[in-house]
Protein backbone atom coordinates (compact mmCIF):
# COMPACT_ATOMS: atom_id res chain seq x y z
CA UNK A 1 -18.04 -1.35 11.32
CA UNK A 2 -16.00 -0.51 8.21
CA UNK A 3 -13.12 1.87 8.89
CA UNK A 4 -13.54 3.60 5.50
CA UNK A 5 -16.43 3.04 3.11
CA UNK A 6 -16.69 5.65 0.37
CA UNK A 7 -18.22 5.80 -3.08
CA UNK A 8 -18.44 8.27 -5.92
CA UNK A 9 -15.80 10.63 -4.54
CA UNK A 10 -15.03 13.45 -6.99
CA UNK A 11 -12.82 16.50 -6.84
CA UNK A 12 -12.66 19.17 -9.54
CA UNK A 13 -10.18 22.03 -9.12
CA UNK A 14 -11.33 25.40 -10.48
CA UNK A 15 -13.97 23.66 -12.54
CA UNK A 16 -11.38 22.26 -14.94
CA UNK A 17 -8.94 19.76 -13.42
CA UNK A 18 -10.78 16.54 -12.58
CA UNK A 19 -8.51 15.11 -9.84
CA UNK A 20 -10.89 12.38 -8.63
CA UNK A 21 -13.44 10.67 -10.87
CA UNK A 22 -15.84 8.64 -8.73
CA UNK A 23 -13.57 6.80 -6.30
CA UNK A 24 -15.01 3.77 -4.47
CA UNK A 25 -13.07 1.87 -1.81
CA UNK A 26 -13.43 0.13 1.53
CA UNK A 27 -10.93 -0.34 4.37
CA UNK A 28 -11.69 -2.86 7.13
CA UNK A 29 -10.57 -2.99 10.78
CA UNK A 30 -7.45 -5.05 11.39
CA UNK A 31 -6.02 -4.68 7.90
CA UNK A 32 -3.31 -2.68 6.19
CA UNK A 33 -4.77 -1.19 3.02
CA UNK A 34 -2.39 0.15 0.39
CA UNK A 35 -3.34 2.85 -2.11
CA UNK A 36 -0.94 3.17 -5.02
CA UNK A 37 -0.77 5.09 -8.23
CA UNK A 38 1.53 7.28 -10.33
CA UNK A 39 2.22 10.90 -9.48
CA UNK A 40 -0.88 12.97 -10.17
CA UNK A 41 -3.26 10.01 -9.78
CA UNK A 42 -5.16 11.76 -6.98
CA UNK A 43 -3.95 9.69 -4.01
CA UNK A 44 -3.05 12.61 -1.74
CA UNK A 45 -6.18 14.48 -2.79
CA UNK A 46 -8.27 11.54 -1.58
CA UNK A 47 -6.39 11.40 1.72
CA UNK A 48 -6.90 15.14 2.26
CA UNK A 49 -10.63 14.79 1.61
CA UNK A 50 -10.87 12.02 4.23
CA UNK A 51 -9.00 14.21 6.71
CA UNK A 52 -11.15 17.30 5.84
CA UNK A 53 -8.09 19.24 4.67
CA UNK A 54 -9.86 19.97 1.39
CA UNK A 55 -13.52 19.81 0.40
CA UNK A 56 -14.71 17.23 -2.12
CA UNK A 57 -16.83 18.19 -5.09
CA UNK A 58 -18.86 15.07 -4.34
CA UNK A 59 -18.48 12.45 -1.63
CA UNK A 60 -20.70 9.72 -0.22
CA UNK A 61 -19.68 7.35 2.56
CA UNK A 62 -18.44 6.94 6.09
CA UNK A 63 -15.26 6.90 8.13
CA UNK A 64 -15.41 4.93 11.40
CA UNK A 65 -19.18 4.74 11.02
CA UNK A 66 -19.80 8.46 10.67
CA UNK A 67 -20.17 10.56 7.52
CA UNK A 68 -16.89 11.68 5.95
CA UNK A 69 -16.21 15.19 7.25
CA UNK A 70 -17.57 14.54 10.76
CA UNK A 71 -15.03 16.48 12.82
CA UNK A 72 -15.34 14.62 16.18
CA UNK A 73 -14.49 11.38 14.38
CA UNK A 74 -11.02 12.71 13.61
CA UNK A 75 -10.16 12.29 17.31
CA UNK A 76 -10.13 8.54 16.59
CA UNK A 77 -7.81 8.91 13.60
CA UNK A 78 -4.01 9.13 13.49
CA UNK A 79 -2.71 11.06 10.48
CA UNK A 80 0.72 11.59 8.92
CA UNK A 81 0.62 14.02 5.95
CA UNK A 82 2.99 13.57 3.03
CA UNK A 83 4.92 16.83 3.43
CA UNK A 84 4.64 17.37 7.16
CA UNK A 85 6.66 20.05 8.94
CA UNK A 86 7.36 19.96 12.68
CA UNK A 87 8.63 23.12 14.44
CA UNK A 88 12.40 22.76 14.33
CA UNK A 89 12.82 24.11 17.88
CA UNK A 90 10.77 21.28 19.43
CA UNK A 91 12.32 18.02 20.57
CA UNK A 92 10.94 14.67 19.39
CA UNK A 93 9.23 14.17 22.75
CA UNK A 94 7.68 17.64 22.59
CA UNK A 95 6.32 16.97 19.09
CA UNK A 96 4.44 13.91 20.30
CA UNK A 97 3.21 15.74 23.40
CA UNK A 98 2.03 18.67 21.25
CA UNK A 99 0.00 16.51 18.89
CA UNK A 100 -1.41 14.57 21.81
CA UNK A 101 -2.63 17.81 23.34
CA UNK A 102 -4.23 18.83 20.04
CA UNK A 103 -6.06 15.49 20.00
CA UNK A 104 -7.44 16.00 23.50
CA UNK A 105 -5.18 13.46 25.25
CA UNK A 106 -4.67 14.24 28.94
CA UNK A 107 -1.27 15.43 30.16
CA UNK A 108 -0.82 12.34 32.34
CA UNK A 109 -1.57 10.01 29.42
CA UNK A 110 0.74 11.95 27.11
CA UNK A 111 3.63 11.64 29.55
CA UNK A 112 3.02 7.91 29.92
CA UNK A 113 2.83 7.25 26.20
CA UNK A 114 5.50 9.52 24.73
CA UNK A 115 8.54 7.50 25.73
CA UNK A 116 6.86 4.23 24.71
CA UNK A 117 6.01 5.56 21.27
CA UNK A 118 9.52 6.92 20.71
CA UNK A 119 10.91 3.53 21.68
CA UNK A 120 8.47 1.84 19.29
CA UNK A 121 9.87 3.78 16.31
CA UNK A 122 13.49 3.56 17.45
CA UNK A 123 13.89 7.21 18.46
CA UNK A 124 14.36 6.97 22.23
CA UNK A 125 17.96 8.22 22.13
CA UNK A 126 16.82 11.33 20.23
CA UNK A 127 13.82 12.12 22.41
CA UNK A 128 15.29 15.31 23.89
CA UNK A 129 17.07 16.57 20.78
CA UNK A 130 15.56 19.20 18.52
CA UNK A 131 13.76 18.14 15.37
CA UNK A 132 15.83 20.66 13.38
CA UNK A 133 18.78 18.29 13.73
CA UNK A 134 16.86 15.23 12.51
CA UNK A 135 17.27 13.57 9.14
CA UNK A 136 14.19 13.15 6.96
CA UNK A 137 13.93 9.51 7.95
CA UNK A 138 14.05 10.41 11.64
CA UNK A 139 11.28 12.96 11.17
CA UNK A 140 9.20 10.26 9.47
CA UNK A 141 9.69 7.98 12.48
CA UNK A 142 8.57 10.68 14.89
CA UNK A 143 5.69 11.44 12.55
CA UNK A 144 4.47 7.88 12.78
CA UNK A 145 4.83 7.97 16.56
CA UNK A 146 2.62 11.08 16.82
CA UNK A 147 -0.14 9.34 14.83
CA UNK A 148 -0.53 6.85 17.70
CA UNK A 149 -0.63 9.21 20.69
CA UNK A 150 -4.46 9.39 20.63
CA UNK A 151 -4.87 5.57 20.50
CA UNK A 152 -6.54 5.74 17.05
CA UNK A 153 -8.90 3.20 15.52
CA UNK A 154 -7.75 4.26 12.05
CA UNK A 155 -4.22 5.32 11.04
CA UNK A 156 -3.79 7.24 7.76
CA UNK A 157 -0.22 7.43 6.45
CA UNK A 158 0.64 9.45 3.35
CA UNK A 159 4.02 8.22 2.00
CA UNK A 160 5.27 7.02 5.42
CA UNK A 161 8.54 5.51 4.15
CA UNK A 162 9.56 8.47 2.00
CA UNK A 163 13.20 9.28 2.77
CA UNK A 164 13.56 6.37 5.20
CA UNK A 165 16.56 4.03 4.91
CA UNK A 166 16.12 0.21 4.64
CA UNK A 167 16.47 -0.29 8.39
CA UNK A 168 13.84 2.37 9.02
CA UNK A 169 11.46 0.83 6.48
CA UNK A 170 11.83 -2.53 8.20
CA UNK A 171 11.04 -0.91 11.56
CA UNK A 172 7.99 0.83 10.10
CA UNK A 173 6.74 -2.48 8.71
CA UNK A 174 7.06 -3.87 12.22
CA UNK A 175 4.94 -1.02 13.58
CA UNK A 176 2.27 -1.64 10.94
CA UNK A 177 2.24 -5.35 11.75
CA UNK A 178 1.67 -4.48 15.39
CA UNK A 179 -1.18 -2.08 14.56
CA UNK A 180 -2.84 -4.77 12.46
CA UNK A 181 -2.50 -7.30 15.28
CA UNK A 182 -4.18 -4.81 17.61
CA UNK A 183 -7.18 -4.66 15.27
CA UNK A 184 -6.57 -1.15 13.96
CA UNK A 185 -7.16 -0.18 10.36
CA UNK A 186 -4.16 1.27 8.52
CA UNK A 187 -4.58 3.20 5.27
CA UNK A 188 -1.24 3.68 3.51
CA UNK A 189 -0.73 5.87 0.46
CA UNK A 190 2.58 5.15 -1.25
CA UNK A 191 4.30 4.85 -4.63
CA UNK A 192 6.81 2.27 -3.30
CA UNK A 193 5.33 -0.89 -4.80
CA UNK A 194 7.65 -3.35 -3.07
CA UNK A 195 6.76 -1.86 0.32
CA UNK A 196 3.03 -2.07 -0.30
CA UNK A 197 3.25 -5.64 -1.58
CA UNK A 198 5.11 -6.63 1.59
CA UNK A 199 2.84 -5.00 4.16
CA UNK A 200 -0.63 -4.71 2.61
CA UNK A 201 -3.54 -7.11 3.12
CA UNK A 202 -5.43 -5.42 0.27
CA UNK A 203 -4.54 -2.77 -2.28
CA UNK A 204 -6.24 -0.37 -4.65
CA UNK A 205 -4.61 0.87 -7.86
CA UNK A 206 -5.58 4.42 -8.78
CA UNK A 207 -4.87 5.98 -12.16
CA UNK A 208 -6.15 9.35 -13.41
CA UNK A 209 -8.44 9.81 -10.42
CA UNK A 210 -10.15 6.40 -10.61
CA UNK A 211 -9.66 3.12 -8.73
CA UNK A 212 -9.23 0.52 -11.45
CA UNK A 213 -8.40 -2.51 -9.30
CA UNK A 214 -9.01 -3.35 -5.65
CA UNK A 215 -8.53 -6.49 -3.55
CA UNK A 216 -5.90 -8.84 -2.16
CA UNK A 217 -2.92 -9.74 -4.33
CA UNK A 218 -4.32 -13.28 -4.60
CA UNK A 219 -7.67 -11.93 -5.80
CA UNK A 220 -6.05 -9.62 -8.33
CA UNK A 221 -3.87 -12.40 -9.74
CA UNK A 222 -6.48 -15.17 -9.71
CA UNK A 223 -6.18 -17.39 -12.79
CA UNK A 224 -2.71 -16.06 -13.59
CA UNK A 225 -0.46 -18.24 -11.45
CA UNK A 226 2.26 -20.45 -12.87
CA UNK A 227 4.49 -23.30 -11.81
CA UNK A 228 7.99 -23.15 -13.29
CA UNK A 229 10.09 -26.32 -13.23
CA UNK A 230 13.82 -25.77 -13.83
CA UNK A 231 15.84 -28.79 -14.90
CA UNK A 232 19.57 -29.47 -15.06
CA UNK A 233 19.47 -30.18 -18.81
CA UNK A 234 17.36 -28.95 -21.74
CA UNK A 235 13.79 -30.18 -22.08
CA UNK A 236 13.32 -32.18 -25.30
CA UNK A 237 10.25 -31.76 -27.55
CA UNK A 238 9.22 -35.33 -26.72
CA UNK A 239 9.25 -34.58 -23.00
CA UNK A 240 7.19 -31.45 -23.55
CA UNK A 241 4.67 -33.36 -25.66
CA UNK A 242 4.35 -36.07 -23.01
CA UNK A 243 3.90 -33.41 -20.31
CA UNK A 244 1.06 -31.77 -22.23
CA UNK A 245 -0.69 -35.11 -22.69
CA UNK A 246 -0.50 -35.86 -18.97
CA UNK A 247 -2.04 -32.64 -17.65
CA UNK A 248 -4.34 -31.54 -20.47
CA UNK A 249 -3.78 -27.79 -20.13
CA UNK A 250 -1.26 -25.11 -21.04
CA UNK A 251 2.36 -26.21 -20.76
CA UNK A 252 5.21 -24.22 -22.29
CA UNK A 253 8.89 -24.88 -22.78
CA UNK A 254 11.68 -22.34 -22.36
CA UNK A 255 15.28 -23.59 -22.47
CA UNK A 256 15.64 -25.69 -19.32
CA UNK A 257 12.18 -24.82 -17.99
CA UNK A 258 8.68 -26.17 -18.18
CA UNK A 259 6.07 -23.53 -17.38
CA UNK A 260 2.54 -24.60 -16.36
CA UNK A 261 -0.46 -22.30 -16.09
CA UNK A 262 -2.11 -23.72 -12.98
CA UNK A 263 -3.31 -22.81 -9.48
CA UNK A 264 -3.41 -26.41 -8.21
CA UNK A 265 -0.15 -27.95 -6.90
CA UNK A 266 -1.58 -31.43 -7.45
CA UNK A 267 -1.73 -30.80 -11.20
CA UNK A 268 2.05 -30.37 -11.33
CA UNK A 269 2.87 -33.77 -9.83
CA UNK A 270 2.39 -35.85 -13.04
CA UNK A 271 4.87 -33.61 -14.88
CA UNK A 272 7.39 -33.91 -12.05
CA UNK A 273 6.99 -37.71 -12.16
CA UNK A 274 7.46 -37.68 -15.94
CA UNK A 275 10.67 -35.63 -15.79
CA UNK A 276 12.18 -37.85 -13.11
CA UNK A 277 11.17 -41.01 -14.98
CA UNK A 278 13.30 -39.80 -17.90
CA UNK A 279 16.32 -39.44 -15.61
CA UNK A 280 16.30 -35.63 -15.75
CA UNK A 281 17.32 -33.90 -12.52
CA UNK A 282 15.07 -31.12 -11.25
CA UNK A 283 16.99 -28.10 -9.98
CA UNK A 284 14.12 -25.93 -8.77
CA UNK A 285 10.32 -25.57 -8.70
CA UNK A 286 8.85 -22.06 -8.36
CA UNK A 287 5.28 -20.90 -7.91
CA UNK A 288 4.92 -17.54 -9.62
CA UNK A 289 2.26 -14.90 -10.01
CA UNK A 290 2.23 -11.33 -11.33
CA UNK A 291 3.81 -8.94 -8.84
CA UNK A 292 2.16 -5.78 -7.62
CA UNK A 293 4.46 -3.90 -10.00
CA UNK A 294 3.19 -6.05 -12.89
CA UNK A 295 -0.43 -5.28 -11.95
CA UNK A 296 0.36 -1.60 -11.57
CA UNK A 297 2.07 -1.29 -14.96
CA UNK A 298 -0.74 -3.22 -16.67
CA UNK A 299 -3.29 -0.84 -15.17
CA UNK A 300 -1.34 2.26 -16.22
CA UNK A 301 -0.78 0.91 -19.74
CA UNK A 302 -4.47 0.01 -20.13
CA UNK A 303 -5.50 3.46 -18.97
CA UNK A 304 -3.12 5.13 -21.41
CA UNK A 305 -4.32 2.94 -24.27
CA UNK A 306 -7.88 4.05 -23.58
CA UNK A 307 -6.75 7.68 -23.76
CA UNK A 308 -8.25 8.62 -20.37
CA UNK A 309 -9.80 12.11 -20.46
CA UNK A 310 -8.04 14.71 -18.41
CA UNK A 311 -4.64 13.02 -18.63
CA UNK A 312 -3.00 16.13 -20.04
CA UNK A 313 -4.62 18.29 -17.37
CA UNK A 314 -3.47 16.04 -14.56
CA UNK A 315 0.05 15.92 -15.97
CA UNK A 316 0.17 19.71 -16.09
CA UNK A 317 -1.19 19.88 -12.56
CA UNK A 318 1.52 17.50 -11.32
CA UNK A 319 4.28 19.59 -12.90
CA UNK A 320 2.97 22.67 -11.14
CA UNK A 321 3.20 20.85 -7.81
CA UNK A 322 -0.51 21.00 -7.04
CA UNK A 323 -2.22 18.19 -5.06
């Protein structure tokens, strides 16, 4: 069963602002799926549609095997909104207990799980202190803990590392790794590209309300990998010419580097042998591919070059602070 399988999702605000323009995506059990895009791309709007916070203009698909919008299914989902607010007079333990009660978890089970979840996110020592005294990062940690109180099959996190320090982000990555190992599906919406590249099994890049790319990083960078050989002295034109003749495909020279467009490590060996046969010491060999940031910027630039309709409307909507 696919955790999320949606197609053709659209959302039009007041008949004018086209926030989502036919979104298709799939999230599988046991994977961390990252959704990224610039501000105003429609990421949070999509999350709110999945969680029935707002109504779609058009939506086809399922969540945990039931049609999107099926209320009982939400009992199997853990959700952390982007701008969540916990009552400041509650303690961290009371917040988790409260959300567990709202999800139909028994009192006995809530008591057994609360301390374990607080320990999981590194908040045990603050369990009985009021949320009003928490930093933003601490509230995020408790927020993630409350998403797990109902033992969800799907966890939806909207900007989970926002305001969290590096130690906290590392701890959150550990939690996500654990959820993946337990076979749960995790849907993460974030604009922190380095975080998504580190934790995600698959990603989707959304720009102007449309998903332009979707897949694993390896799939999205297929055919674009390079081997970069760094030497201790400059590469001569003769060496470069000999390297090209040995491999028969694209080889470039840059100062003390030879750059090869290849996905096969075996294809690099003749060039390594050639360099060493000429008495040139090799300092380093790197295997490179476009980063998630590279893919993201390419997608944004391509969308802007096409002059995507509604861009001005979405920009205005973002400035007004609307979803």
